[in-house]
Amino acid sequence: MSPTGPAASDFPAVSAHGHVTFLGAGPGDPGLLTLRAVEALASADVLVAEPDVLGVVRCHARAGVSTPELTVVDAQSTAAGVPVLRDAVNLVMEAAKGGKRVVRAVPGDPGLDADAGAEMLACAAVGIPFEVVPGIAEAVGVPAYAGVPLRDAQGADVRFVDARTASDRCWGEVGASDATAVISTTLDAVAAAAGELVSAGRKPDTPLSVTVSGTTTRQRTWTATLGTIAQVLKQAKVLPSPEGHRPVIAVVGERSSAAQRDQLAWFESKPLFGWKVLVPRTKEQAASLSDQLRSYGAVPHEVPTIAVEPPRTPQQMERAVKGLVTGRYEWIAFTSVNAVKAVREKFEEYGLDARAFAGIKVAAVGEQTAAALVDFGVKPDLVPSGEQSAAGLLEDWPPYDPVFDPIDRVFLPRADIATETLVAGLIELGWEVDDVTAYRTVRASPPPAETREAIKGGGFDAVMFTSSSTVRNLVGIAGKPHNVTVIACIGPATAKTAEEHGLRVDVLSPEPSVHKLAEALSEFGARRRDAAKEAGDPVTRPSERRPGARRRRSST
């Protein structure tokens, strides 16, 4: 059971009429989903959501969940003779009447940001049980991410206004008060909303902030006053724009601290905010690295540069696994997640599990490999205390002692292109090594054309190279990164390979660790941001400097 509510298994039982959960997905950042929302998603049979919302919540639903396409019915399509399409109410009702557990996910909060009330009434009318899981409302979450508190120490009234439906009376009441106004509107209608408030009595010099794409890495905020906002957006070349229909949250009021945003804008001031970073690794390999990059505000994009295939002659691997079971080895050393996967697959082929490692010492080259072993049910006996590499593993590896070690042999499953460092070091320590090719690494298929064009055309802000092979393979399958792209390399050997391919190396990791490399890239981004501010220049991403790049791309 979670600290905030029941576990997924404690959700109301599905009746003959099913059950519906109306769920708030928050303002855009997937990390803002509540624990209760994640639990509801995990138990859903059917998930109904608009495409943008589906992208936020889908990863928390189980693999077999149904996600029917949601198409809103409109009068014009019916009048034109187009067959009436199912809207959200019909999708929810149909699934619930079939006895399904339905999650209806909406942006923000069901009670404030979406017209979920009509769907709840429809369920109530036919006796379908439902519940509501609140979400962080856009009008609350977006100002928090923009660094614009809605109240100060003295407090203030806060009024929420939807400019699209606000009446003259509403504008008059808000304009005549000193309340902080949080206005949901569109980019091209901000100036009109500001004009309504001025006409109703608000002073033209009242502070105003406007945020687009709030809580996402596309977020951008402008500060102005009611009287100057139209000019500010024009000078920033934000308007006029064909994207003027994009929704925004505007905060108006003397107590909203818009003037202090330079000190409070914690989100947009992250060192790699909005940077699109190419990570030439598979999603499985890049998971923790991508999470780290997101913590710096970046948008990681994984592109596999190698593919893993079985060895051409599997007999050697088969003999080694059988020897593992019969007690041939004292140690087994894993130098990659792929090596763990290869041994695990061979175990499953023979009907074995982690119990086959009983009595054998297990070594892992680093934390990610150790985590893969733990997932397999094996806790490693040895992980490098220092550098996570073959050299680091050798630093901690004990020499063979015939008194304490009944067996002198090590099983080393690895890639076909691995270096000899570990083998030579183990032999020097007195061990016999069965160096076995567990898998082959081959060049991956080229990424989609859009990704290749972005790599060569400067669409990425940075590329992280984690080995010499990632340099060679990326250039081979996708082309050379544009010269405005920041090149970050894990070590001198990788940097040398990058330079041999005509690339300028901007960032070099102080240690051969992917996480230290990400940290070094974030420090580079922070220095770049500070330099721009000191020079009085706007803070831009590297990709915005390429020829033909439009200034307004930073708001997309």
Protein backbone atom coordinates (compact mmCIF):
# COMPACT_ATOMS: atom_id res chain seq x y z
CA MET A 1 0.00 0.00 0.00
CA SER A 2 1.34 3.44 -0.91
CA PRO A 3 1.57 6.17 1.74
CA THR A 4 -1.07 8.21 -0.10
CA GLY A 5 -3.72 5.60 -0.75
CA PRO A 6 -4.50 1.97 -1.55
CA ALA A 7 -2.40 -0.19 -3.83
CA ALA A 8 -3.57 -1.14 -7.31
CA SER A 9 -5.12 -4.32 -5.95
CA ASP A 10 -7.21 -2.23 -3.52
CA PHE A 11 -9.06 -0.34 -6.25
CA PRO A 12 -12.82 -0.97 -6.29
CA ALA A 13 -13.74 -4.32 -7.77
CA VAL A 14 -15.07 -4.21 -11.30
CA SER A 15 -18.82 -4.68 -11.32
CA ALA A 16 -20.98 -5.91 -14.18
CA HIS A 17 -20.95 -2.30 -15.36
CA GLY A 18 -17.19 -1.94 -15.04
CA HIS A 19 -15.49 0.95 -13.28
CA VAL A 20 -14.13 4.31 -14.48
CA THR A 21 -11.27 6.35 -13.03
CA PHE A 22 -11.16 9.98 -14.15
CA LEU A 23 -7.49 10.78 -13.82
CA GLY A 24 -5.59 14.08 -13.97
CA ALA A 25 -2.35 13.68 -15.95
CA GLY A 26 -0.90 17.03 -14.86
CA PRO A 27 0.40 19.90 -16.99
CA GLY A 28 2.91 17.96 -19.13
CA ASP A 29 5.89 16.77 -17.08
CA PRO A 30 5.43 12.97 -16.67
CA GLY A 31 7.13 13.20 -13.28
CA LEU A 32 4.17 15.15 -11.90
CA LEU A 33 1.78 12.17 -12.02
CA THR A 34 0.60 11.26 -8.52
CA LEU A 35 1.27 7.88 -6.93
CA ARG A 36 -2.46 7.20 -7.00
CA ALA A 37 -2.52 7.92 -10.76
CA VAL A 38 0.30 5.44 -11.39
CA GLU A 39 -1.55 2.78 -9.39
CA ALA A 40 -4.78 3.35 -11.34
CA LEU A 41 -2.97 3.15 -14.68
CA ALA A 42 -1.31 -0.14 -13.70
CA SER A 43 -4.71 -1.77 -13.16
CA ALA A 44 -6.50 -0.37 -16.26
CA ASP A 45 -7.99 -2.59 -18.96
CA VAL A 46 -8.80 0.39 -21.19
CA LEU A 47 -7.02 3.75 -21.34
CA VAL A 48 -8.84 6.65 -23.01
CA ALA A 49 -6.84 9.85 -23.59
CA GLU A 50 -5.96 12.51 -26.13
CA PRO A 51 -2.64 11.83 -27.93
CA ASP A 52 -0.61 14.35 -25.87
CA VAL A 53 -1.93 12.96 -22.61
CA LEU A 54 -1.48 9.37 -23.76
CA GLY A 55 2.23 10.07 -24.23
CA VAL A 56 2.50 11.10 -20.56
CA VAL A 57 0.59 8.18 -19.00
CA ARG A 58 1.07 5.22 -21.38
CA CYS A 59 4.34 3.99 -19.86
CA HIS A 60 2.62 3.30 -16.52
CA ALA A 61 -0.11 1.10 -18.03
CA ARG A 62 0.32 -2.64 -18.37
CA ALA A 63 1.43 -4.12 -21.69
CA GLY A 64 -1.99 -5.41 -22.76
CA VAL A 65 -4.00 -2.25 -22.09
CA SER A 66 -6.36 -1.15 -24.86
CA THR A 67 -5.94 2.46 -26.06
CA PRO A 68 -8.82 3.19 -28.45
CA GLU A 69 -8.44 6.26 -30.64
CA LEU A 70 -10.35 9.23 -29.30
CA THR A 71 -12.09 11.38 -31.91
CA VAL A 72 -14.40 14.17 -30.82
CA VAL A 73 -17.75 14.31 -32.63
CA ASP A 74 -18.58 17.67 -34.20
CA ALA A 75 -21.68 18.96 -35.91
CA GLN A 76 -19.91 19.74 -39.20
CA SER A 77 -18.81 16.14 -39.76
CA THR A 78 -22.35 14.91 -39.16
CA ALA A 79 -23.91 17.54 -41.45
CA ALA A 80 -21.44 16.66 -44.21
CA GLY A 81 -22.61 13.06 -44.19
CA VAL A 82 -19.46 11.70 -42.56
CA PRO A 83 -20.24 8.70 -40.29
CA VAL A 84 -20.48 9.83 -36.68
CA LEU A 85 -17.25 8.99 -34.86
CA ARG A 86 -17.11 7.87 -31.25
CA ASP A 87 -16.23 10.59 -28.74
CA ALA A 88 -14.74 10.18 -25.27
CA VAL A 89 -18.07 9.63 -23.53
CA ASN A 90 -19.01 6.84 -25.92
CA LEU A 91 -15.61 5.16 -25.62
CA VAL A 92 -15.72 5.25 -21.82
CA MET A 93 -19.33 4.07 -21.59
CA GLU A 94 -18.89 1.27 -24.09
CA ALA A 95 -15.84 -0.15 -22.28
CA ALA A 96 -17.34 0.22 -18.81
CA LYS A 97 -20.62 -1.46 -19.84
CA GLY A 98 -18.47 -4.36 -21.04
CA GLY A 99 -17.22 -4.84 -17.48
CA LYS A 100 -13.82 -3.23 -18.08
CA ARG A 101 -11.75 -1.16 -15.69
CA VAL A 102 -11.42 2.15 -17.58
CA VAL A 103 -9.01 5.04 -16.95
CA ARG A 104 -10.05 8.30 -18.58
CA ALA A 105 -6.94 10.47 -18.47
CA VAL A 106 -7.26 14.22 -19.02
CA PRO A 107 -4.73 17.08 -19.01
CA GLY A 108 -4.10 18.88 -15.74
CA ASP A 109 -6.85 18.23 -13.21
CA PRO A 110 -10.25 16.69 -14.09
CA GLY A 111 -12.16 19.34 -12.15
CA LEU A 112 -10.30 22.45 -13.32
CA ASP A 113 -8.70 21.84 -16.71
CA ALA A 114 -11.05 19.45 -18.48
CA ASP A 115 -14.76 19.09 -19.12
CA ALA A 116 -14.83 15.75 -17.33
CA GLY A 117 -17.98 16.62 -15.38
CA ALA A 118 -20.24 15.73 -18.32
CA GLU A 119 -18.60 12.31 -18.62
CA MET A 120 -18.99 11.71 -14.88
CA LEU A 121 -22.71 12.60 -15.09
CA ALA A 122 -23.12 10.16 -17.99
CA CYS A 123 -21.62 7.38 -15.85
CA ALA A 124 -23.79 8.30 -12.88
CA ALA A 125 -26.94 8.30 -15.04
CA VAL A 126 -26.54 4.61 -15.91
CA GLY A 127 -25.10 3.45 -12.60
CA ILE A 128 -21.47 2.99 -13.64
CA PRO A 129 -19.25 3.44 -10.56
CA PHE A 130 -16.45 5.96 -10.95
CA GLU A 131 -13.82 7.80 -8.95
CA VAL A 132 -11.65 10.87 -9.47
CA VAL A 133 -7.86 10.97 -9.13
CA PRO A 134 -6.89 14.66 -9.00
CA GLY A 135 -3.92 15.92 -10.94
CA ILE A 136 -1.75 19.04 -10.75
CA ALA A 137 -3.73 21.75 -12.53
CA GLU A 138 -2.01 23.58 -15.38
CA ALA A 139 -2.82 26.93 -13.75
CA VAL A 140 -0.92 25.84 -10.63
CA GLY A 141 1.88 23.67 -12.02
CA VAL A 142 2.97 25.95 -14.88
CA PRO A 143 3.60 29.08 -12.73
CA ALA A 144 5.56 26.91 -10.26
CA TYR A 145 7.86 25.71 -13.06
CA ALA A 146 8.13 29.27 -14.42
CA GLY A 147 9.38 30.58 -11.06
CA VAL A 148 6.28 32.69 -10.48
CA PRO A 149 4.72 32.04 -7.04
CA LEU A 150 1.04 32.93 -6.90
CA ARG A 151 1.19 34.35 -3.38
CA ASP A 152 3.71 36.15 -1.18
CA ALA A 153 4.12 36.24 2.61
CA GLN A 154 1.22 38.69 2.95
CA GLY A 155 -1.03 36.45 0.91
CA ALA A 156 -3.36 37.45 -1.89
CA ASP A 157 -6.57 36.42 -3.54
CA VAL A 158 -5.95 34.22 -6.57
CA ARG A 159 -8.45 34.18 -9.42
CA PHE A 160 -8.40 31.63 -12.24
CA VAL A 161 -9.71 32.89 -15.57
CA ASP A 162 -10.29 31.03 -18.82
CA ALA A 163 -10.03 33.82 -21.38
CA ARG A 164 -11.90 31.80 -23.98
CA THR A 165 -15.12 31.76 -21.94
CA ALA A 166 -14.68 34.75 -19.57
CA SER A 167 -17.60 37.17 -19.51
CA ASP A 168 -17.45 40.96 -19.30
CA ARG A 169 -18.50 40.64 -15.67
CA CYS A 170 -15.55 38.32 -14.97
CA TRP A 171 -13.05 40.71 -16.56
CA GLY A 172 -14.62 43.59 -14.66
CA GLU A 173 -14.34 41.86 -11.28
CA VAL A 174 -10.73 40.75 -11.78
CA GLY A 175 -9.72 44.12 -13.25
CA ALA A 176 -11.22 46.04 -10.36
CA SER A 177 -9.43 43.92 -7.73
CA ASP A 178 -5.82 43.49 -6.68
CA ALA A 179 -6.06 39.70 -6.90
CA THR A 180 -3.42 37.66 -8.64
CA ALA A 181 -5.00 36.52 -11.92
CA VAL A 182 -3.98 33.23 -13.51
CA ILE A 183 -5.25 33.35 -17.09
CA SER A 184 -5.53 30.38 -19.43
CA THR A 185 -5.39 31.71 -22.97
CA THR A 186 -3.43 31.42 -26.23
CA LEU A 187 -0.22 33.12 -27.30
CA ASP A 188 -1.89 35.42 -29.82
CA ALA A 189 -4.69 36.34 -27.37
CA VAL A 190 -2.48 37.38 -24.43
CA ALA A 191 -2.41 41.04 -25.44
CA ALA A 192 -6.21 41.11 -25.78
CA ALA A 193 -6.59 39.61 -22.29
CA ALA A 194 -4.18 42.22 -20.93
CA GLY A 195 -6.25 44.92 -22.63
CA GLU A 196 -9.43 43.61 -20.99
CA LEU A 197 -7.86 43.95 -17.55
CA VAL A 198 -6.54 47.45 -18.23
CA SER A 199 -9.96 48.52 -19.50
CA ALA A 200 -11.49 47.13 -16.30
CA GLY A 201 -9.17 49.18 -14.07
CA ARG A 202 -5.85 47.36 -13.69
CA LYS A 203 -2.81 49.63 -14.03
CA PRO A 204 -0.85 49.19 -17.30
CA ASP A 205 2.37 48.73 -15.28
CA THR A 206 1.02 45.66 -13.44
CA PRO A 207 3.60 42.81 -13.74
CA LEU A 208 2.76 39.97 -16.10
CA SER A 209 4.42 36.66 -17.00
CA VAL A 210 3.49 34.43 -19.94
CA THR A 211 4.56 30.77 -20.16
CA VAL A 212 4.17 28.45 -23.14
CA SER A 213 4.66 24.63 -23.04
CA GLY A 214 4.87 24.80 -19.25
CA THR A 215 6.60 22.02 -17.26
CA THR A 216 8.16 20.54 -20.41
CA THR A 217 11.65 21.07 -21.80
CA ARG A 218 10.05 23.27 -24.48
CA GLN A 219 8.94 25.74 -21.80
CA ARG A 220 9.60 29.42 -22.38
CA THR A 221 8.55 32.37 -20.25
CA TRP A 222 8.40 36.12 -20.98
CA THR A 223 7.98 38.82 -18.34
CA ALA A 224 6.43 42.20 -19.08
CA THR A 225 3.55 44.38 -17.90
CA LEU A 226 -0.05 44.55 -19.01
CA GLY A 227 0.83 47.55 -21.13
CA THR A 228 4.02 46.17 -22.73
CA ILE A 229 3.32 42.47 -23.33
CA ALA A 230 2.33 42.93 -26.98
CA GLN A 231 5.57 44.82 -27.68
CA VAL A 232 7.70 42.28 -25.77
CA LEU A 233 6.32 39.34 -27.76
CA LYS A 234 6.83 41.23 -31.02
CA GLN A 235 10.43 42.20 -30.17
CA ALA A 236 11.17 38.60 -29.22
CA LYS A 237 9.87 37.61 -32.68
CA VAL A 238 7.36 35.29 -31.03
CA LEU A 239 4.42 37.01 -32.70
CA PRO A 240 3.09 37.14 -35.29
CA SER A 241 3.42 33.39 -35.76
CA PRO A 242 1.42 30.54 -37.27
CA GLU A 243 1.77 28.91 -33.83
CA GLY A 244 -0.09 31.75 -32.11
CA HIS A 245 -2.90 29.34 -31.17
CA ARG A 246 -0.67 27.55 -28.66
CA PRO A 247 -2.06 27.58 -25.09
CA VAL A 248 -0.27 29.64 -22.46
CA ILE A 249 -0.63 30.46 -18.77
CA ALA A 250 -0.37 34.16 -17.93
CA VAL A 251 0.05 35.37 -14.34
CA VAL A 252 -0.93 38.95 -13.52
CA GLY A 253 -0.38 40.75 -10.22
CA GLU A 254 1.96 42.79 -8.06
CA ARG A 255 2.30 39.91 -5.59
CA SER A 256 3.05 37.20 -8.13
CA SER A 257 6.83 37.85 -7.91
CA ALA A 258 7.20 38.05 -11.69
CA ALA A 259 9.87 40.70 -11.11
CA GLN A 260 11.96 38.17 -9.14
CA ARG A 261 11.87 35.50 -11.83
CA ASP A 262 15.62 35.76 -12.46
CA GLN A 263 16.18 34.32 -8.99
CA LEU A 264 13.21 31.95 -8.98
CA ALA A 265 13.29 30.44 -12.48
CA TRP A 266 14.74 27.12 -11.31
CA PHE A 267 13.49 25.03 -14.24
CA GLU A 268 14.49 27.08 -17.27
CA SER A 269 17.91 27.80 -15.72
CA LYS A 270 18.98 24.14 -15.67
CA PRO A 271 22.40 23.79 -17.35
CA LEU A 272 21.19 21.83 -20.39
CA PHE A 273 17.62 23.14 -20.49
CA GLY A 274 15.98 22.20 -23.78
CA TRP A 275 19.18 20.69 -25.24
CA LYS A 276 18.50 17.79 -27.56
CA VAL A 277 21.28 15.31 -26.74
CA LEU A 278 22.08 12.33 -28.93
CA VAL A 279 22.99 9.23 -26.94
CA PRO A 280 24.39 6.53 -29.26
CA ARG A 281 23.26 3.63 -27.08
CA THR A 282 20.16 1.44 -26.92
CA LYS A 283 17.27 2.41 -24.62
CA GLU A 284 18.22 -0.41 -22.23
CA GLN A 285 21.84 0.72 -22.01
CA ALA A 286 20.97 4.43 -21.83
CA ALA A 287 18.17 4.30 -19.24
CA SER A 288 20.03 5.70 -16.22
CA LEU A 289 22.12 8.02 -18.41
CA SER A 290 18.99 9.47 -20.02
CA ASP A 291 17.44 10.00 -16.58
CA GLN A 292 20.56 11.91 -15.54
CA LEU A 293 20.43 14.08 -18.66
CA ARG A 294 16.75 14.85 -18.01
CA SER A 295 17.68 16.01 -14.51
CA TYR A 296 19.87 18.65 -16.21
CA GLY A 297 16.92 19.73 -18.39
CA ALA A 298 18.04 17.93 -21.55
CA VAL A 299 15.97 15.91 -24.00
CA PRO A 300 17.87 12.63 -24.59
CA HIS A 301 17.45 10.85 -27.92
CA GLU A 302 18.78 7.28 -27.98
CA VAL A 303 20.19 5.96 -31.27
CA PRO A 304 21.65 2.43 -31.22
CA THR A 305 24.95 2.25 -33.11
CA ILE A 306 25.58 -1.45 -32.53
CA ALA A 307 23.39 -4.52 -32.67
CA VAL A 308 24.04 -7.65 -30.64
CA GLU A 309 23.96 -11.07 -32.34
CA PRO A 310 24.78 -14.62 -31.16
CA PRO A 311 28.32 -15.94 -31.78
CA ARG A 312 28.90 -17.63 -35.12
CA THR A 313 30.00 -20.82 -33.35
CA PRO A 314 27.91 -21.33 -30.19
CA GLN A 315 29.65 -24.54 -29.10
CA GLN A 316 32.30 -22.72 -27.04
CA MET A 317 29.61 -20.86 -25.07
CA GLU A 318 27.62 -24.06 -24.56
CA ARG A 319 30.68 -25.89 -23.14
CA ALA A 320 31.43 -23.01 -20.80
CA VAL A 321 27.89 -22.89 -19.40
CA LYS A 322 27.95 -26.64 -18.82
CA GLY A 323 31.32 -26.21 -17.08
CA LEU A 324 29.76 -23.54 -14.89
CA VAL A 325 27.17 -26.03 -13.68
CA THR A 326 29.67 -28.89 -13.15
CA GLY A 327 32.09 -26.82 -11.04
CA ARG A 328 34.81 -26.02 -13.56
CA TYR A 329 35.13 -22.35 -12.48
CA GLU A 330 35.97 -20.42 -9.33
CA TRP A 331 34.90 -17.07 -10.85
CA ILE A 332 32.71 -15.70 -13.64
CA ALA A 333 33.35 -12.10 -14.71
CA PHE A 334 30.77 -9.99 -16.53
CA THR A 335 32.10 -6.98 -18.43
CA SER A 336 28.80 -5.70 -19.86
CA VAL A 337 25.03 -5.88 -19.59
CA ASN A 338 25.05 -7.74 -22.92
CA ALA A 339 27.25 -10.47 -21.41
CA VAL A 340 24.72 -10.92 -18.60
CA LYS A 341 21.93 -11.12 -21.16
CA ALA A 342 23.83 -13.70 -23.26
CA VAL A 343 24.45 -16.00 -20.28
CA ARG A 344 20.90 -15.56 -19.04
CA GLU A 345 19.47 -16.53 -22.43
CA LYS A 346 21.70 -19.62 -22.52
CA PHE A 347 20.56 -20.54 -19.00
CA GLU A 348 16.91 -20.26 -20.04
CA GLU A 349 17.63 -22.43 -23.08
CA TYR A 350 18.89 -25.17 -20.75
CA GLY A 351 16.15 -24.67 -18.16
CA LEU A 352 18.57 -23.19 -15.61
CA ASP A 353 18.16 -20.18 -13.33
CA ALA A 354 20.26 -18.10 -10.94
CA ARG A 355 20.69 -21.10 -8.60
CA ALA A 356 23.31 -22.43 -11.04
CA PHE A 357 25.69 -19.74 -9.72
CA ALA A 358 25.76 -21.36 -6.26
CA GLY A 359 29.35 -21.73 -5.04
CA ILE A 360 30.77 -19.52 -7.82
CA LYS A 361 32.15 -16.03 -7.21
CA VAL A 362 30.64 -13.40 -9.54
CA ALA A 363 32.31 -10.17 -10.67
CA ALA A 364 30.74 -7.20 -12.48
CA VAL A 365 32.66 -4.44 -14.23
CA GLY A 366 30.34 -1.65 -13.05
CA GLU A 367 27.05 -0.59 -11.53
CA GLN A 368 24.90 -1.13 -14.63
CA THR A 369 26.24 -4.66 -15.12
CA ALA A 370 25.74 -5.35 -11.41
CA ALA A 371 22.14 -4.13 -11.67
CA ALA A 372 21.51 -6.52 -14.59
CA LEU A 373 22.84 -9.38 -12.45
CA VAL A 374 20.64 -8.41 -9.51
CA ASP A 375 17.67 -8.39 -11.88
CA PHE A 376 18.69 -11.95 -12.81
CA GLY A 377 18.72 -12.88 -9.11
CA VAL A 378 22.50 -12.80 -8.62
CA LYS A 379 24.29 -10.46 -6.22
CA PRO A 380 27.88 -9.84 -7.45
CA ASP A 381 30.74 -10.61 -5.07
CA LEU A 382 33.04 -8.06 -6.70
CA VAL A 383 32.34 -4.65 -8.24
CA PRO A 384 35.22 -2.16 -8.74
CA SER A 385 35.54 0.25 -5.83
CA GLY A 386 37.15 2.81 -8.13
CA GLU A 387 37.13 3.12 -11.92
CA GLN A 388 34.32 1.13 -13.53
CA SER A 389 36.37 -0.58 -16.22
CA ALA A 390 38.45 -3.69 -16.83
CA ALA A 391 41.43 -1.88 -15.26
CA GLY A 392 39.33 -0.96 -12.22
CA LEU A 393 38.17 -4.56 -11.88
CA LEU A 394 41.76 -5.79 -11.94
CA GLU A 395 42.71 -3.32 -9.20
CA ASP A 396 40.37 -5.15 -6.80
CA TRP A 397 40.70 -8.71 -8.16
CA PRO A 398 42.49 -11.04 -5.70
CA PRO A 399 45.51 -13.03 -6.92
CA TYR A 400 45.13 -16.79 -7.20
CA ASP A 401 45.99 -18.54 -3.93
CA PRO A 402 46.25 -22.36 -4.18
CA VAL A 403 45.54 -22.64 -0.44
CA PHE A 404 42.21 -20.74 -0.45
CA ASP A 405 41.13 -21.18 -4.08
CA PRO A 406 40.27 -24.82 -4.89
CA ILE A 407 39.85 -23.97 -8.57
CA ASP A 408 42.09 -21.63 -10.59
CA ARG A 409 39.83 -20.97 -13.58
CA VAL A 410 37.76 -17.90 -14.56
CA PHE A 411 34.90 -17.89 -17.06
CA LEU A 412 34.91 -14.63 -19.04
CA PRO A 413 31.88 -14.27 -21.39
CA ARG A 414 32.30 -11.18 -23.55
CA ALA A 415 31.99 -9.52 -26.95
CA ASP A 416 33.93 -10.63 -29.99
CA ILE A 417 35.70 -7.25 -30.24
CA ALA A 418 36.63 -6.85 -26.56
CA THR A 419 40.17 -5.81 -25.63
CA GLU A 420 42.66 -8.18 -23.99
CA THR A 421 43.24 -6.01 -20.90
CA LEU A 422 41.24 -8.13 -18.48
CA VAL A 423 42.49 -11.49 -19.81
CA ALA A 424 46.14 -10.44 -19.57
CA GLY A 425 45.64 -8.99 -16.09
CA LEU A 426 43.95 -12.11 -14.73
CA ILE A 427 46.69 -14.35 -16.12
CA GLU A 428 49.26 -12.11 -14.46
CA LEU A 429 47.40 -12.62 -11.16
CA GLY A 430 47.81 -16.37 -11.59
CA TRP A 431 44.39 -17.32 -12.95
CA GLU A 432 43.54 -19.50 -15.93
CA VAL A 433 40.96 -17.78 -18.15
CA ASP A 434 38.35 -19.28 -20.47
CA ASP A 435 37.89 -16.28 -22.76
CA VAL A 436 34.57 -17.04 -24.47
CA THR A 437 32.77 -15.10 -27.19
CA ALA A 438 29.23 -14.79 -25.74
CA TYR A 439 27.92 -12.39 -28.39
CA ARG A 440 28.95 -10.45 -31.47
CA THR A 441 28.60 -6.73 -31.94
CA VAL A 442 27.72 -5.53 -35.42
CA ARG A 443 26.89 -2.11 -36.79
CA ALA A 444 23.24 -1.22 -36.24
CA SER A 445 20.82 -0.29 -38.99
CA PRO A 446 20.71 3.42 -39.90
CA PRO A 447 18.28 5.53 -37.83
CA PRO A 448 15.22 7.11 -39.49
CA ALA A 449 15.85 9.75 -42.18
CA GLU A 450 14.61 12.51 -39.85
CA THR A 451 17.25 11.60 -37.26
CA ARG A 452 20.02 11.40 -39.87
CA GLU A 453 19.08 14.84 -41.19
CA ALA A 454 19.09 16.27 -37.66
CA ILE A 455 22.56 14.82 -36.99
CA LYS A 456 24.09 16.22 -40.18
CA GLY A 457 22.07 19.44 -40.19
CA GLY A 458 22.74 20.59 -36.63
CA GLY A 459 19.40 19.61 -35.12
CA PHE A 460 21.10 18.11 -32.07
CA ASP A 461 22.73 20.31 -29.45
CA ALA A 462 25.19 17.67 -28.27
CA VAL A 463 26.37 14.11 -28.93
CA MET A 464 27.78 11.88 -26.20
CA PHE A 465 30.34 9.37 -27.45
CA THR A 466 30.95 6.58 -24.94
CA SER A 467 33.54 4.61 -26.93
CA SER A 468 35.56 4.77 -30.14
CA SER A 469 33.17 2.28 -31.74
CA THR A 470 30.21 4.62 -31.13
CA VAL A 471 32.07 7.33 -33.07
CA ARG A 472 32.87 5.08 -36.01
CA ASN A 473 29.46 3.45 -36.11
CA LEU A 474 27.44 6.66 -35.76
CA VAL A 475 29.36 8.35 -38.56
CA GLY A 476 29.00 5.15 -40.62
CA ILE A 477 25.23 4.78 -40.25
CA ALA A 478 24.11 8.41 -39.93
CA GLY A 479 26.87 10.78 -41.06
CA LYS A 480 29.10 13.26 -39.26
CA PRO A 481 27.49 15.59 -36.70
CA HIS A 482 27.21 19.26 -37.70
CA ASN A 483 29.98 21.59 -36.51
CA VAL A 484 27.64 23.51 -34.18
CA THR A 485 26.91 20.32 -32.23
CA VAL A 486 28.81 19.97 -28.96
CA ILE A 487 30.90 16.78 -29.00
CA ALA A 488 31.40 15.08 -25.64
CA CYS A 489 33.76 12.09 -25.29
CA ILE A 490 34.26 9.61 -22.45
CA GLY A 491 38.05 9.49 -22.65
CA PRO A 492 41.20 10.33 -24.64
CA ALA A 493 40.97 7.28 -26.93
CA THR A 494 37.38 8.15 -27.88
CA ALA A 495 38.34 11.80 -28.36
CA LYS A 496 41.20 10.80 -30.65
CA THR A 497 38.83 8.73 -32.79
CA ALA A 498 36.39 11.65 -32.96
CA GLU A 499 39.16 14.01 -34.09
CA GLU A 500 40.28 11.49 -36.72
CA HIS A 501 36.74 11.73 -38.12
CA GLY A 502 37.00 15.51 -38.34
CA LEU A 503 35.06 16.33 -35.17
CA ARG A 504 35.94 19.07 -32.69
CA VAL A 505 35.88 17.67 -29.14
CA ASP A 506 34.34 20.18 -26.72
CA VAL A 507 33.89 18.08 -23.58
CA LEU A 508 36.15 15.34 -22.18
CA SER A 509 35.05 13.31 -19.17
CA PRO A 510 37.50 13.43 -16.24
CA GLU A 511 36.87 9.71 -15.67
CA PRO A 512 35.82 6.84 -18.00
CA SER A 513 32.23 6.85 -16.73
CA VAL A 514 29.09 7.71 -18.68
CA HIS A 515 27.69 9.51 -15.65
CA LYS A 516 30.85 11.60 -15.23
CA LEU A 517 30.59 12.39 -18.95
CA ALA A 518 27.01 13.63 -18.50
CA GLU A 519 28.13 15.67 -15.51
CA ALA A 520 30.95 17.23 -17.56
CA LEU A 521 28.49 18.11 -20.32
CA SER A 522 26.18 19.80 -17.80
CA GLU A 523 29.10 21.84 -16.46
CA PHE A 524 29.94 22.89 -20.03
CA GLY A 525 26.33 23.99 -20.53
CA ALA A 526 26.35 25.94 -17.25
CA ARG A 527 29.54 27.81 -18.22
CA ARG A 528 28.06 28.58 -21.62
CA ARG A 529 24.86 29.92 -20.02
CA ASP A 530 26.79 32.06 -17.51
CA ALA A 531 28.99 33.51 -20.27
CA ALA A 532 25.95 34.52 -22.32
CA LYS A 533 24.35 36.24 -19.32
CA GLU A 534 27.55 38.09 -18.41
CA ALA A 535 27.82 39.34 -21.99
CA GLY A 536 24.20 40.45 -21.96
CA ASP A 537 23.33 37.99 -24.73
CA PRO A 538 20.24 35.78 -24.83
CA VAL A 539 20.77 32.21 -23.64
CA THR A 540 20.48 29.96 -26.68
CA ARG A 541 21.07 26.31 -27.44
CA PRO A 542 23.95 25.29 -29.77
CA SER A 543 21.47 24.16 -32.45
CA GLU A 544 20.05 27.69 -32.61
CA ARG A 545 23.36 28.97 -33.94
CA ARG A 546 23.35 26.92 -37.11
CA PRO A 547 22.81 28.75 -40.41
CA GLY A 548 19.15 29.39 -41.06
CA ALA A 549 18.01 28.52 -37.54
CA ARG A 550 15.09 30.66 -36.49
CA ARG A 551 15.23 32.46 -33.14
CA ARG A 552 11.73 31.38 -32.24
CA ARG A 553 12.69 27.68 -32.31
CA SER A 554 13.54 27.98 -28.63
CA SER A 555 9.85 28.24 -27.89
CA THR A 556 8.95 25.04 -29.72
